[in-house]
Amino acid sequence: MIIYRLFFLLLLTGHLLSQTNFPNNKVQLIDNTTTNLHSLTSEVSFVSFWATWCLPCIKEIDKLNEFIHDYENVSVILINEDRPGDKAKVKSFVRSRQYPIDDNYHIIFDFDKKLSRQFSAEPIPLTLILKGTKVIYRKRGFYLGDEVELKKQLRIALSD
């Protein structure tokens, strides 16, 4: 019985520790190019797991887009959780919402759910703030007003 408990503890500890660092997985961007995740990060990065059908996700991104231009050294990585067959729908959605895709604002697909599983991202939205590649803030869900805390966490990360 002690061996099973020790095994479970080691398994749990390994799982928790793996979530403190952002992996360098190979990912597909919305423009169909592939890259490694670390090439998308900057000094501070805002990461959100989202989908086109997730109303709280869309509200979070809309609020983010209202203030993110005030943070020069912050990279945005939106990890889309729609189904693989919905790629055209996601692209159309992003265009219609005029998300500011550029060198610091990225949308990637997680069709195989590898990242989602690594971060236990369900239910979405799951928001992470990274300092380099280390996860320093984690929040699940989004309600109007949560953007105040997100701004605070970004300021804290940038001031460290």
Protein backbone atom coordinates (compact mmCIF):
# COMPACT_ATOMS: atom_id res chain seq x y z
CA MET A 1 0.00 0.00 0.00
CA ILE A 2 2.87 2.39 0.80
CA ILE A 3 4.42 1.71 -2.59
CA TYR A 4 1.17 2.70 -4.35
CA ARG A 5 0.95 5.90 -2.32
CA LEU A 6 4.57 6.75 -3.07
CA PHE A 7 4.03 6.05 -6.77
CA PHE A 8 0.91 8.25 -6.80
CA LEU A 9 2.73 11.04 -4.97
CA LEU A 10 5.64 10.93 -7.44
CA LEU A 11 3.22 10.89 -10.37
CA LEU A 12 1.28 13.85 -9.01
CA THR A 13 4.44 15.79 -8.19
CA GLY A 14 5.81 15.21 -11.68
CA HIS A 15 2.53 16.36 -13.22
CA LEU A 16 2.44 19.54 -11.13
CA LEU A 17 6.06 20.38 -11.84
CA SER A 18 5.61 19.87 -15.58
CA GLN A 19 2.98 22.59 -15.53
CA THR A 20 5.32 25.23 -14.14
CA ASN A 21 7.33 25.50 -17.35
CA PHE A 22 5.89 26.26 -20.76
CA PRO A 23 6.87 23.45 -23.14
CA ASN A 24 8.68 24.00 -26.42
CA ASN A 25 6.26 21.92 -28.49
CA LYS A 26 6.14 22.25 -32.24
CA VAL A 27 2.86 24.02 -33.11
CA GLN A 28 0.91 25.15 -36.15
CA LEU A 29 0.08 28.83 -36.42
CA ILE A 30 -3.14 30.12 -37.94
CA ASP A 31 -1.24 30.99 -41.15
CA ASN A 32 -0.35 27.25 -41.49
CA THR A 33 3.32 27.71 -40.63
CA THR A 34 4.89 25.64 -37.89
CA THR A 35 7.22 26.80 -35.17
CA ASN A 36 8.29 25.98 -31.63
CA LEU A 37 6.35 27.56 -28.76
CA HIS A 38 9.38 29.21 -27.19
CA SER A 39 9.94 31.24 -30.37
CA LEU A 40 6.54 32.89 -29.70
CA THR A 41 7.24 33.87 -26.11
CA SER A 42 8.88 37.08 -24.95
CA GLU A 43 9.95 38.56 -21.63
CA VAL A 44 6.33 38.19 -20.49
CA SER A 45 3.67 36.21 -22.33
CA PHE A 46 -0.10 36.01 -22.00
CA VAL A 47 -1.41 32.55 -22.96
CA SER A 48 -5.04 31.56 -23.23
CA PHE A 49 -6.69 28.29 -24.22
CA TRP A 50 -9.86 29.24 -26.12
CA ALA A 51 -12.42 28.18 -28.74
CA THR A 52 -14.82 29.99 -31.05
CA TRP A 53 -17.81 28.43 -29.26
CA CYS A 54 -16.65 29.53 -25.77
CA LEU A 55 -18.35 32.80 -24.81
CA PRO A 56 -16.15 33.48 -21.73
CA CYS A 57 -13.09 32.89 -23.94
CA ILE A 58 -14.27 35.45 -26.48
CA LYS A 59 -15.07 37.98 -23.74
CA GLU A 60 -11.57 37.52 -22.30
CA ILE A 61 -9.91 38.01 -25.69
CA ASP A 62 -12.07 41.07 -26.43
CA LYS A 63 -11.03 42.64 -23.11
CA LEU A 64 -7.40 41.65 -23.70
CA ASN A 65 -7.46 43.34 -27.10
CA GLU A 66 -8.63 46.57 -25.46
CA PHE A 67 -5.48 46.90 -23.35
CA ILE A 68 -2.72 44.62 -24.65
CA HIS A 69 -1.24 47.33 -26.92
CA ASP A 70 -0.27 49.17 -23.70
CA TYR A 71 2.20 46.37 -22.87
CA GLU A 72 5.09 46.51 -25.35
CA ASN A 73 7.08 43.53 -24.08
CA VAL A 74 4.16 41.10 -23.83
CA SER A 75 3.60 38.32 -26.31
CA VAL A 76 0.08 36.93 -26.75
CA ILE A 77 -0.38 33.23 -27.52
CA LEU A 78 -3.98 32.13 -28.05
CA ILE A 79 -4.21 28.33 -28.16
CA ASN A 80 -7.30 27.32 -30.12
CA GLU A 81 -9.19 24.24 -28.94
CA ASP A 82 -11.73 23.91 -31.79
CA ARG A 83 -11.96 20.63 -33.72
CA PRO A 84 -9.47 19.96 -36.55
CA GLY A 85 -12.26 20.21 -39.15
CA ASP A 86 -13.07 23.75 -37.98
CA LYS A 87 -9.81 25.35 -39.14
CA ALA A 88 -11.53 27.49 -41.84
CA LYS A 89 -14.19 28.51 -39.32
CA VAL A 90 -11.52 29.62 -36.82
CA LYS A 91 -9.67 31.62 -39.49
CA SER A 92 -12.90 33.32 -40.57
CA PHE A 93 -13.80 34.04 -36.94
CA VAL A 94 -10.38 35.60 -36.23
CA ARG A 95 -10.62 37.77 -39.38
CA SER A 96 -14.16 38.91 -38.53
CA ARG A 97 -13.11 39.87 -34.98
CA GLN A 98 -10.00 41.62 -36.34
CA TYR A 99 -7.62 40.01 -33.86
CA PRO A 100 -4.30 41.89 -34.22
CA ILE A 101 -2.09 39.02 -35.40
CA ASP A 102 1.52 40.22 -35.66
CA ASP A 103 4.99 39.41 -34.35
CA ASN A 104 3.72 39.55 -30.74
CA TYR A 105 0.20 38.18 -31.17
CA HIS A 106 -0.14 34.55 -32.18
CA ILE A 107 -2.96 32.09 -32.67
CA ILE A 108 -2.03 28.43 -32.70
CA PHE A 109 -4.02 25.24 -33.12
CA ASP A 110 -4.02 22.45 -30.53
CA PHE A 111 -5.99 19.94 -32.58
CA ASP A 112 -4.29 16.94 -30.99
CA LYS A 113 -5.04 18.42 -27.51
CA LYS A 114 -1.44 17.79 -26.44
CA LEU A 115 -1.06 21.23 -24.84
CA SER A 116 -4.54 21.04 -23.37
CA ARG A 117 -3.66 17.76 -21.66
CA GLN A 118 -0.29 19.06 -20.44
CA PHE A 119 -2.00 21.98 -18.70
CA SER A 120 -5.29 20.29 -17.81
CA ALA A 121 -6.88 23.15 -19.74
CA GLU A 122 -10.46 21.86 -19.71
CA PRO A 123 -12.73 23.63 -19.04
CA ILE A 124 -11.64 26.68 -20.97
CA PRO A 125 -10.68 29.44 -20.88
CA LEU A 126 -7.48 28.72 -19.07
CA THR A 127 -5.18 31.72 -18.86
CA LEU A 128 -1.48 31.65 -18.08
CA ILE A 129 1.02 34.45 -17.65
CA LEU A 130 4.62 33.49 -18.30
CA LYS A 131 7.84 35.12 -17.27
CA GLY A 132 10.20 33.81 -19.93
CA THR A 133 8.99 30.22 -20.15
CA LYS A 134 7.97 29.84 -16.50
CA VAL A 135 4.27 29.90 -15.61
CA ILE A 136 3.83 32.52 -12.89
CA TYR A 137 0.04 32.96 -12.97
CA ARG A 138 -2.80 30.59 -13.81
CA LYS A 139 -6.53 31.33 -13.93
CA ARG A 140 -9.49 29.32 -15.12
CA GLY A 141 -12.64 30.97 -16.48
CA PHE A 142 -13.38 34.60 -17.21
CA TYR A 143 -15.95 37.06 -15.92
CA LEU A 144 -16.19 40.73 -16.80
CA GLY A 145 -13.95 42.54 -14.35
CA ASP A 146 -11.29 39.80 -14.36
CA GLU A 147 -9.30 41.94 -16.79
CA VAL A 148 -8.34 44.16 -13.82
CA GLU A 149 -6.51 41.22 -12.22
CA LEU A 150 -4.94 40.23 -15.55
CA LYS A 151 -3.54 43.76 -16.00
CA LYS A 152 -2.21 43.68 -12.43
CA GLN A 153 -0.49 40.34 -13.03
CA LEU A 154 1.05 41.60 -16.27
CA ARG A 155 2.39 44.71 -14.47
CA ILE A 156 3.84 42.54 -11.70
CA ALA A 157 5.52 40.23 -14.23
CA LEU A 158 6.98 43.17 -16.16
CA SER A 159 8.30 44.85 -13.02
CA ASP A 160 10.17 41.79 -11.67
